[in-house]
N, C-alpha and C. Protein backbone atom coordinates (compact mmCIF):
# COMPACT_ATOMS: atom_id res chain seq x y z
N MET A 1 -1.58 -21.91 20.70
CA MET A 1 -2.45 -21.13 19.85
C MET A 1 -2.53 -19.69 20.37
N LYS A 2 -2.48 -18.76 19.45
CA LYS A 2 -2.47 -17.35 19.82
C LYS A 2 -3.88 -16.90 20.20
N LYS A 3 -3.99 -16.26 21.35
CA LYS A 3 -5.27 -15.78 21.84
C LYS A 3 -5.60 -14.43 21.19
N VAL A 4 -6.78 -14.34 20.58
CA VAL A 4 -7.22 -13.10 19.94
C VAL A 4 -8.10 -12.35 20.93
N THR A 5 -7.63 -11.16 21.30
CA THR A 5 -8.37 -10.34 22.26
C THR A 5 -8.95 -9.12 21.55
N LYS A 6 -9.75 -8.38 22.31
CA LYS A 6 -10.28 -7.13 21.76
C LYS A 6 -9.14 -6.17 21.44
N GLN A 7 -8.10 -6.21 22.26
CA GLN A 7 -6.95 -5.33 22.05
C GLN A 7 -6.25 -5.67 20.73
N THR A 8 -6.12 -6.96 20.42
CA THR A 8 -5.49 -7.39 19.18
C THR A 8 -6.32 -6.95 17.99
N LYS A 9 -7.63 -7.12 18.08
CA LYS A 9 -8.51 -6.70 16.99
C LYS A 9 -8.44 -5.19 16.80
N LEU A 10 -8.41 -4.46 17.90
CA LEU A 10 -8.32 -3.00 17.82
C LEU A 10 -7.01 -2.57 17.18
N SER A 11 -5.90 -3.21 17.56
CA SER A 11 -4.61 -2.82 16.98
C SER A 11 -4.56 -3.16 15.50
N LYS A 12 -5.17 -4.26 15.08
CA LYS A 12 -5.22 -4.59 13.65
C LYS A 12 -6.08 -3.58 12.89
N PHE A 13 -7.18 -3.14 13.51
CA PHE A 13 -8.04 -2.14 12.87
C PHE A 13 -7.30 -0.81 12.75
N ILE A 14 -6.60 -0.42 13.80
CA ILE A 14 -5.82 0.83 13.76
C ILE A 14 -4.75 0.73 12.69
N ASP A 15 -4.10 -0.42 12.60
CA ASP A 15 -3.10 -0.68 11.57
C ASP A 15 -3.70 -0.48 10.19
N TRP A 16 -4.84 -1.06 9.95
CA TRP A 16 -5.51 -0.97 8.66
C TRP A 16 -5.88 0.48 8.34
N VAL A 17 -6.47 1.18 9.30
CA VAL A 17 -6.90 2.57 9.08
C VAL A 17 -5.71 3.47 8.78
N LEU A 18 -4.62 3.33 9.55
CA LEU A 18 -3.44 4.16 9.32
C LEU A 18 -2.83 3.91 7.94
N HIS A 19 -2.77 2.65 7.53
CA HIS A 19 -2.25 2.35 6.20
C HIS A 19 -3.16 2.94 5.11
N MET A 20 -4.45 2.84 5.29
CA MET A 20 -5.39 3.37 4.29
C MET A 20 -5.23 4.89 4.17
N ILE A 21 -5.12 5.57 5.30
CA ILE A 21 -4.95 7.02 5.27
C ILE A 21 -3.62 7.40 4.62
N GLY A 22 -2.56 6.71 4.99
CA GLY A 22 -1.24 6.99 4.41
C GLY A 22 -1.22 6.77 2.91
N TYR A 23 -1.76 5.65 2.44
CA TYR A 23 -1.81 5.36 1.01
C TYR A 23 -2.66 6.40 0.27
N THR A 24 -3.80 6.75 0.84
CA THR A 24 -4.68 7.73 0.20
C THR A 24 -3.97 9.07 0.05
N LEU A 25 -3.26 9.49 1.09
CA LEU A 25 -2.51 10.75 1.01
C LEU A 25 -1.42 10.69 -0.05
N VAL A 26 -0.74 9.55 -0.16
CA VAL A 26 0.29 9.40 -1.19
C VAL A 26 -0.33 9.58 -2.57
N PHE A 27 -1.47 8.95 -2.82
CA PHE A 27 -2.09 9.06 -4.14
C PHE A 27 -2.58 10.47 -4.43
N ILE A 28 -3.15 11.12 -3.45
CA ILE A 28 -3.62 12.49 -3.66
C ILE A 28 -2.44 13.42 -3.94
N LEU A 29 -1.35 13.31 -3.16
CA LEU A 29 -0.19 14.17 -3.36
C LEU A 29 0.50 13.90 -4.70
N VAL A 30 0.69 12.63 -5.03
CA VAL A 30 1.37 12.31 -6.29
C VAL A 30 0.54 12.77 -7.48
N THR A 31 -0.76 12.62 -7.40
CA THR A 31 -1.63 13.06 -8.49
C THR A 31 -1.56 14.57 -8.66
N SER A 32 -1.42 15.30 -7.56
CA SER A 32 -1.36 16.76 -7.68
C SER A 32 -0.01 17.24 -8.22
N PHE A 33 1.07 16.47 -8.04
CA PHE A 33 2.38 16.87 -8.53
C PHE A 33 2.71 16.35 -9.92
N PHE A 34 2.22 15.17 -10.26
CA PHE A 34 2.57 14.55 -11.54
C PHE A 34 1.32 14.32 -12.37
N LYS A 35 1.39 14.68 -13.62
CA LYS A 35 0.25 14.50 -14.51
C LYS A 35 0.23 13.13 -15.18
N SER A 36 1.25 12.32 -14.92
CA SER A 36 1.31 11.00 -15.55
C SER A 36 0.57 9.93 -14.73
N ILE A 37 -0.06 10.36 -13.65
CA ILE A 37 -0.97 9.48 -12.89
C ILE A 37 -2.30 10.19 -12.86
N TYR A 38 -3.33 9.47 -13.27
CA TYR A 38 -4.66 10.06 -13.32
C TYR A 38 -5.58 9.33 -12.35
N ILE A 39 -6.21 10.10 -11.49
CA ILE A 39 -7.28 9.59 -10.63
C ILE A 39 -8.49 10.46 -10.93
N ASP A 40 -9.62 9.83 -11.14
CA ASP A 40 -10.86 10.54 -11.47
C ASP A 40 -11.04 11.72 -10.52
N SER A 41 -10.97 12.94 -11.06
CA SER A 41 -10.98 14.13 -10.22
C SER A 41 -12.38 14.56 -9.78
N ASP A 42 -13.42 13.92 -10.30
CA ASP A 42 -14.77 14.27 -9.85
C ASP A 42 -14.92 14.01 -8.35
N HIS A 43 -14.38 12.91 -7.89
CA HIS A 43 -14.41 12.54 -6.47
C HIS A 43 -13.04 11.99 -6.10
N LEU A 44 -12.05 12.86 -6.06
CA LEU A 44 -10.66 12.46 -5.88
C LEU A 44 -10.44 11.64 -4.61
N ILE A 45 -10.98 12.08 -3.51
CA ILE A 45 -10.78 11.38 -2.24
C ILE A 45 -11.46 10.01 -2.27
N ILE A 46 -12.65 9.94 -2.82
CA ILE A 46 -13.37 8.66 -2.89
C ILE A 46 -12.63 7.68 -3.79
N TRP A 47 -12.21 8.15 -4.97
CA TRP A 47 -11.49 7.25 -5.88
C TRP A 47 -10.14 6.85 -5.31
N SER A 48 -9.49 7.76 -4.60
CA SER A 48 -8.22 7.40 -3.95
C SER A 48 -8.46 6.32 -2.91
N ALA A 49 -9.53 6.46 -2.15
CA ALA A 49 -9.85 5.44 -1.14
C ALA A 49 -10.20 4.10 -1.79
N ILE A 50 -10.90 4.13 -2.92
CA ILE A 50 -11.22 2.89 -3.64
C ILE A 50 -9.94 2.24 -4.17
N ILE A 51 -9.04 3.05 -4.70
CA ILE A 51 -7.76 2.53 -5.19
C ILE A 51 -7.01 1.84 -4.05
N VAL A 52 -6.98 2.50 -2.90
CA VAL A 52 -6.28 1.94 -1.75
C VAL A 52 -6.94 0.64 -1.28
N LEU A 53 -8.26 0.58 -1.32
CA LEU A 53 -8.97 -0.64 -0.93
C LEU A 53 -8.65 -1.79 -1.88
N VAL A 54 -8.62 -1.50 -3.18
CA VAL A 54 -8.27 -2.54 -4.16
C VAL A 54 -6.82 -2.99 -3.95
N ILE A 55 -5.93 -2.04 -3.69
CA ILE A 55 -4.53 -2.39 -3.41
C ILE A 55 -4.45 -3.28 -2.17
N TYR A 56 -5.20 -2.93 -1.15
CA TYR A 56 -5.21 -3.73 0.08
C TYR A 56 -5.66 -5.17 -0.20
N ILE A 57 -6.72 -5.31 -0.97
CA ILE A 57 -7.23 -6.65 -1.30
C ILE A 57 -6.19 -7.43 -2.11
N LEU A 58 -5.58 -6.78 -3.10
CA LEU A 58 -4.55 -7.44 -3.91
C LEU A 58 -3.31 -7.77 -3.08
N ASN A 59 -2.97 -6.90 -2.13
CA ASN A 59 -1.82 -7.17 -1.27
C ASN A 59 -2.06 -8.38 -0.38
N LYS A 60 -3.30 -8.62 -0.01
CA LYS A 60 -3.62 -9.77 0.84
C LYS A 60 -3.82 -11.06 0.05
N THR A 61 -4.10 -10.95 -1.26
CA THR A 61 -4.39 -12.15 -2.05
C THR A 61 -3.29 -12.47 -3.06
N VAL A 62 -2.98 -11.54 -3.93
CA VAL A 62 -2.05 -11.79 -5.04
C VAL A 62 -0.59 -11.59 -4.62
N LYS A 63 -0.32 -10.59 -3.83
CA LYS A 63 1.06 -10.24 -3.49
C LYS A 63 1.83 -11.38 -2.81
N PRO A 64 1.23 -12.11 -1.85
CA PRO A 64 2.01 -13.22 -1.25
C PRO A 64 2.45 -14.25 -2.29
N ILE A 65 1.63 -14.50 -3.28
CA ILE A 65 1.99 -15.44 -4.34
C ILE A 65 3.15 -14.87 -5.16
N LEU A 66 3.06 -13.59 -5.51
CA LEU A 66 4.13 -12.95 -6.29
C LEU A 66 5.45 -12.93 -5.52
N VAL A 67 5.37 -12.62 -4.23
CA VAL A 67 6.58 -12.58 -3.41
C VAL A 67 7.23 -13.96 -3.36
N THR A 68 6.41 -14.99 -3.18
CA THR A 68 6.93 -16.36 -3.14
C THR A 68 7.57 -16.74 -4.47
N LEU A 69 6.93 -16.41 -5.57
CA LEU A 69 7.46 -16.77 -6.89
C LEU A 69 8.73 -16.01 -7.24
N THR A 70 8.90 -14.81 -6.68
CA THR A 70 10.05 -13.99 -7.05
C THR A 70 11.14 -13.96 -5.99
N ILE A 71 11.10 -14.88 -5.03
CA ILE A 71 12.14 -14.92 -3.99
C ILE A 71 13.55 -15.00 -4.59
N PRO A 72 13.78 -15.85 -5.60
CA PRO A 72 15.15 -15.91 -6.14
C PRO A 72 15.66 -14.59 -6.71
N ILE A 73 14.83 -13.92 -7.51
CA ILE A 73 15.29 -12.66 -8.11
C ILE A 73 15.37 -11.55 -7.07
N THR A 74 14.48 -11.57 -6.08
CA THR A 74 14.55 -10.58 -5.01
C THR A 74 15.83 -10.79 -4.20
N GLY A 75 16.18 -12.04 -3.96
CA GLY A 75 17.42 -12.34 -3.24
C GLY A 75 18.66 -11.93 -4.03
N LEU A 76 18.65 -12.22 -5.33
CA LEU A 76 19.80 -11.86 -6.17
C LEU A 76 20.00 -10.35 -6.25
N THR A 77 18.91 -9.61 -6.22
CA THR A 77 19.01 -8.14 -6.31
C THR A 77 19.06 -7.49 -4.93
N LEU A 78 19.22 -8.31 -3.89
CA LEU A 78 19.29 -7.83 -2.50
C LEU A 78 18.06 -6.98 -2.12
N GLY A 79 16.90 -7.40 -2.59
CA GLY A 79 15.65 -6.74 -2.24
C GLY A 79 15.24 -5.61 -3.16
N LEU A 80 16.08 -5.26 -4.12
CA LEU A 80 15.75 -4.14 -5.00
C LEU A 80 14.62 -4.47 -5.97
N PHE A 81 14.28 -5.74 -6.11
CA PHE A 81 13.19 -6.12 -7.00
C PHE A 81 11.82 -5.92 -6.35
N TYR A 82 11.78 -5.84 -5.03
CA TYR A 82 10.51 -5.75 -4.30
C TYR A 82 9.60 -4.61 -4.77
N PRO A 83 10.12 -3.39 -5.02
CA PRO A 83 9.23 -2.33 -5.52
C PRO A 83 8.57 -2.69 -6.86
N PHE A 84 9.20 -3.56 -7.64
CA PHE A 84 8.58 -3.96 -8.90
C PHE A 84 7.35 -4.84 -8.67
N ILE A 85 7.32 -5.54 -7.55
CA ILE A 85 6.12 -6.30 -7.19
C ILE A 85 5.00 -5.30 -6.88
N ASN A 86 5.32 -4.25 -6.12
CA ASN A 86 4.33 -3.20 -5.85
C ASN A 86 3.88 -2.54 -7.15
N LEU A 87 4.82 -2.34 -8.06
CA LEU A 87 4.49 -1.75 -9.36
C LEU A 87 3.51 -2.64 -10.12
N PHE A 88 3.74 -3.94 -10.08
CA PHE A 88 2.82 -4.87 -10.74
C PHE A 88 1.43 -4.78 -10.12
N ILE A 89 1.36 -4.66 -8.80
CA ILE A 89 0.07 -4.50 -8.12
C ILE A 89 -0.60 -3.20 -8.58
N LEU A 90 0.17 -2.13 -8.70
CA LEU A 90 -0.39 -0.85 -9.18
C LEU A 90 -0.93 -0.98 -10.60
N LYS A 91 -0.20 -1.67 -11.46
CA LYS A 91 -0.67 -1.86 -12.84
C LYS A 91 -1.93 -2.72 -12.87
N LEU A 92 -2.04 -3.67 -11.96
CA LEU A 92 -3.27 -4.47 -11.84
C LEU A 92 -4.45 -3.58 -11.43
N VAL A 93 -4.20 -2.69 -10.49
CA VAL A 93 -5.26 -1.76 -10.06
C VAL A 93 -5.65 -0.85 -11.22
N ASP A 94 -4.66 -0.38 -11.98
CA ASP A 94 -4.92 0.42 -13.18
C ASP A 94 -5.84 -0.34 -14.13
N TRP A 95 -5.56 -1.61 -14.35
CA TRP A 95 -6.37 -2.43 -15.25
C TRP A 95 -7.78 -2.66 -14.68
N ILE A 96 -7.88 -2.89 -13.37
CA ILE A 96 -9.18 -3.17 -12.75
C ILE A 96 -10.08 -1.94 -12.77
N LEU A 97 -9.54 -0.77 -12.43
CA LEU A 97 -10.36 0.44 -12.31
C LEU A 97 -10.53 1.21 -13.61
N GLY A 98 -9.82 0.81 -14.65
CA GLY A 98 -10.02 1.40 -15.97
C GLY A 98 -9.81 2.89 -16.01
N LYS A 99 -10.84 3.61 -16.44
CA LYS A 99 -10.69 5.06 -16.68
C LYS A 99 -10.61 5.89 -15.40
N HIS A 100 -10.88 5.30 -14.24
CA HIS A 100 -10.85 6.07 -12.99
C HIS A 100 -9.45 6.18 -12.39
N PHE A 101 -8.56 5.29 -12.80
CA PHE A 101 -7.17 5.32 -12.32
C PHE A 101 -6.27 4.82 -13.43
N GLN A 102 -5.35 5.69 -13.85
CA GLN A 102 -4.46 5.32 -14.95
C GLN A 102 -3.04 5.77 -14.66
N LEU A 103 -2.12 4.87 -14.95
CA LEU A 103 -0.69 5.15 -14.82
C LEU A 103 -0.12 5.29 -16.22
N TYR A 104 0.35 6.48 -16.56
CA TYR A 104 0.85 6.72 -17.90
C TYR A 104 2.36 6.57 -18.02
N ASN A 105 3.08 6.72 -16.92
CA ASN A 105 4.54 6.74 -16.97
C ASN A 105 5.09 5.65 -16.04
N PHE A 106 5.93 4.78 -16.59
CA PHE A 106 6.51 3.68 -15.82
C PHE A 106 7.30 4.19 -14.62
N TRP A 107 8.12 5.23 -14.83
CA TRP A 107 9.01 5.72 -13.77
C TRP A 107 8.24 6.38 -12.63
N ILE A 108 7.20 7.10 -12.96
CA ILE A 108 6.38 7.72 -11.91
C ILE A 108 5.64 6.62 -11.15
N ALA A 109 5.17 5.61 -11.86
CA ALA A 109 4.51 4.49 -11.19
C ALA A 109 5.49 3.76 -10.26
N LEU A 110 6.73 3.62 -10.70
CA LEU A 110 7.74 3.02 -9.84
C LEU A 110 8.00 3.90 -8.62
N LEU A 111 8.02 5.22 -8.81
CA LEU A 111 8.18 6.14 -7.69
C LEU A 111 7.03 5.97 -6.70
N VAL A 112 5.81 5.84 -7.19
CA VAL A 112 4.66 5.63 -6.31
C VAL A 112 4.82 4.34 -5.53
N SER A 113 5.26 3.28 -6.20
CA SER A 113 5.44 2.01 -5.49
C SER A 113 6.51 2.12 -4.41
N ILE A 114 7.57 2.89 -4.68
CA ILE A 114 8.60 3.11 -3.66
C ILE A 114 8.04 3.94 -2.51
N LEU A 115 7.25 4.97 -2.83
CA LEU A 115 6.63 5.79 -1.78
C LEU A 115 5.69 4.95 -0.91
N LEU A 116 4.96 4.03 -1.53
CA LEU A 116 4.08 3.15 -0.76
C LEU A 116 4.89 2.24 0.16
N SER A 117 6.03 1.79 -0.31
CA SER A 117 6.91 0.97 0.55
C SER A 117 7.42 1.78 1.73
N ILE A 118 7.77 3.04 1.49
CA ILE A 118 8.23 3.92 2.57
C ILE A 118 7.10 4.17 3.56
N ILE A 119 5.89 4.41 3.05
CA ILE A 119 4.73 4.60 3.94
C ILE A 119 4.53 3.35 4.79
N ASN A 120 4.70 2.17 4.19
CA ASN A 120 4.59 0.93 4.97
C ASN A 120 5.58 0.91 6.13
N LEU A 121 6.83 1.27 5.86
CA LEU A 121 7.85 1.29 6.91
C LEU A 121 7.49 2.28 8.01
N ILE A 122 7.06 3.48 7.61
CA ILE A 122 6.70 4.51 8.60
C ILE A 122 5.51 4.06 9.42
N MET A 123 4.47 3.57 8.75
CA MET A 123 3.27 3.14 9.47
C MET A 123 3.56 1.96 10.39
N ASP A 124 4.38 1.02 9.94
CA ASP A 124 4.72 -0.12 10.79
C ASP A 124 5.46 0.36 12.04
N GLY A 125 6.33 1.34 11.89
CA GLY A 125 7.04 1.89 13.05
C GLY A 125 6.10 2.60 14.01
N ILE A 126 5.18 3.39 13.47
CA ILE A 126 4.20 4.10 14.31
C ILE A 126 3.31 3.09 15.03
N ILE A 127 2.84 2.10 14.29
CA ILE A 127 1.92 1.13 14.87
C ILE A 127 2.61 0.31 15.96
N LYS A 128 3.85 -0.12 15.71
CA LYS A 128 4.58 -0.87 16.74
C LYS A 128 4.77 -0.02 17.99
N HIS A 129 5.05 1.27 17.79
CA HIS A 129 5.21 2.18 18.93
C HIS A 129 3.90 2.31 19.70
N LEU A 130 2.78 2.47 18.98
CA LEU A 130 1.48 2.60 19.64
C LEU A 130 1.11 1.32 20.38
N ILE A 131 1.35 0.17 19.76
CA ILE A 131 1.00 -1.10 20.40
C ILE A 131 1.86 -1.32 21.65
N LYS A 132 3.15 -0.97 21.55
CA LYS A 132 4.03 -1.09 22.71
C LYS A 132 3.54 -0.19 23.83
N GLY A 133 3.09 1.03 23.47
CA GLY A 133 2.58 1.96 24.49
C GLY A 133 1.30 1.46 25.12
N VAL A 134 0.41 0.85 24.33
CA VAL A 134 -0.84 0.31 24.86
C VAL A 134 -0.56 -0.87 25.77
N ARG A 135 0.35 -1.76 25.35
CA ARG A 135 0.67 -2.93 26.16
C ARG A 135 1.40 -2.54 27.44
N GLY A 136 2.09 -1.42 27.40
CA GLY A 136 2.79 -0.96 28.60
C GLY A 136 1.84 -0.49 29.67
N HIS A 137 0.61 -0.12 29.28
CA HIS A 137 -0.38 0.36 30.22
C HIS A 137 -1.28 -0.75 30.75
N GLU A 138 -1.10 -1.96 30.28
CA GLU A 138 -1.96 -3.06 30.73
C GLU A 138 -1.59 -3.53 32.11
């Protein structure tokens, strides 16, 4: 059985915070460049953070089911179908948040899902590097 320490909890918290910041920045930047994604501009940072929180919850609940159900098509496309799972999650968030977050263009939404996948790769690399550095000092 894996022992959960304060260090493990801290690294998971840092992981979560870095992903939230990265996702929020992606949404703020994409919204400022493309008009086909709308985030309520009255409180852009707050709504971006809420969007990211809803995405996080859906990624922990719905996404594992979607990934399991789409393993055959993801395998046949050599992983190229995976961003469409992220796109589906984004459309779910669009539906949940209604007028505060809207995706008007399929291709821009697909671009956002690809950018979120890239942010995941970058954050995972940074986090692994930080955890390795912390464990090296123990």
